[in-house]
Amino acid sequence: MTPPSDASPRRLWPLYAAGFTTAFGAHGIAANLGGNTEDAVTSLLALGGLLALYDGAEVLLKPVFGTLADRIGARPVLLGGLIAFAAASALYAVADSPRWLWAARLGQGAAASAFSPAASALVARLNPAAKQGRAFGSYGFHKSVGYTLGPLLGGVLVWAGGLRLLFVVLAGLGALVAVWALVAVPAVPPLPRSRQTVVDLVRRLADPVFLVPTAALAGATAALSVGVGFLPVSGTAAGLGPVATGAAVSVLAACAALVQPRAGRALDEGRIGTRGGLGVGLLLAGAGLACATLPGLTGVLLAAALIGVGTGLITPLGFAALASSTPRERLGQTMGAAELGRELGDAGGPLLVAGVAAAATLAYGYGVLAVVLLCGAVGVGVRRRGPVPPGAGCR
């Protein structure tokens, strides 16, 4: 189906803002829950539970809300999710009680599970196939900005007024983006859908056309999470100060943000193919993890740059491939399932590295994940030499 004729760039900005909101909300709070303010979480068990609560809600609910977006339309799910995010944030801002922090964090995770896949589906619906790369490159760029600024601006807000002020800002941000989307995002009615059985769903999600980009996205997210979480540990072990380690993480985020729009544009212009780009991205991310085993600042910076470039290359190509290979009436379901894959990578990468590091050293943890990503790159290359189904979107 042809996207709406009035899908001008200004109508996409609220969707990019929604991507920024979920990223800023996730990392802004997560990075500051254990801070040095009066309302900080002091128990490691409680801290771990609050961090898992947000991600757990996303893992369980993103496929559900993605399917709902196909059934009733992505725009109502987007608006409802943003309003719910604002309400959940306001809950703790008003109550200012530790027990309500759990409810607010769960509500934020559930709300993000609704508006995140809905925004991705709308980005795909509002853009023709020839511009999918650019659209998802811009969407990924704004999410990367949210991930980058979340810990920094969140820390400033928590320093100025505690967690409560951060939740107040998030409530206002969610409400503002909801109003913006209500005014600017056009209504995109759900498309007629043929009956789908559970077997049909499993067959479609097991198809390499879905699995290859989703697995690449999961690998990219795993590398990104490990880089953000463990490179500062490596820097500290090498005697680097917090400024140097913080700068390394900023290099990672900046590389990911800057590469995504360029990768999307190159895909649309035919200068790179999806499978080739995904393979190169996995190779770069794996090489970055291998560089993390090198001692000192050089290893940390090389790792940050390569992981950032690799994940920045994979993200728009993976989502563009999913959008071009999915029936338009099933976009929400596919984006929700792909987001689930990313969440599993987000959790699985650090768990794998931490588990290996506990048994051996952190360098071995980096090495094991690097091998996994390099094997993934080889797998993408092998698939590339085989027959590609018509309309697979993996050029």
Foldseek 3Di string as FASTA:
>chain_A
DAFDPPLDPLLLVLLLLLLLLLLLVLQLCLLPQQPDDPNHDPDPVVSVVLNVLLLVLLLPQLLVLLLVCLVFNLLVLQLVLLLQLLVLLVQCLVVVDVVSSSVSSNSNSNSSSRNVLSSLLLLLRNDDLLQLQLSQLSSQLSNLVSNLCNNVVSVVQCVVPRPSSVSNVSSVSSVVSSVSNVPRHDTDGRDDDDDDDPVNVVVVCPDCLQVLLLLLLLLLLLLLLCLLPCLLVLAVVLVHDPVLSSVLNVLLSVLLSVQRNVLSVCCSVVVDFLLRLSLVLLLLQLVLLLLCLDHDSRSSNSSSNSSSNSSSSSRSSSSSLQSQQDDSSSSSSSSSVSVSSNSCSNPVSVVQLVVVCVVPRSSVSSNVSSVVSNVSSVVSVVVVPDDDDPRSRGD
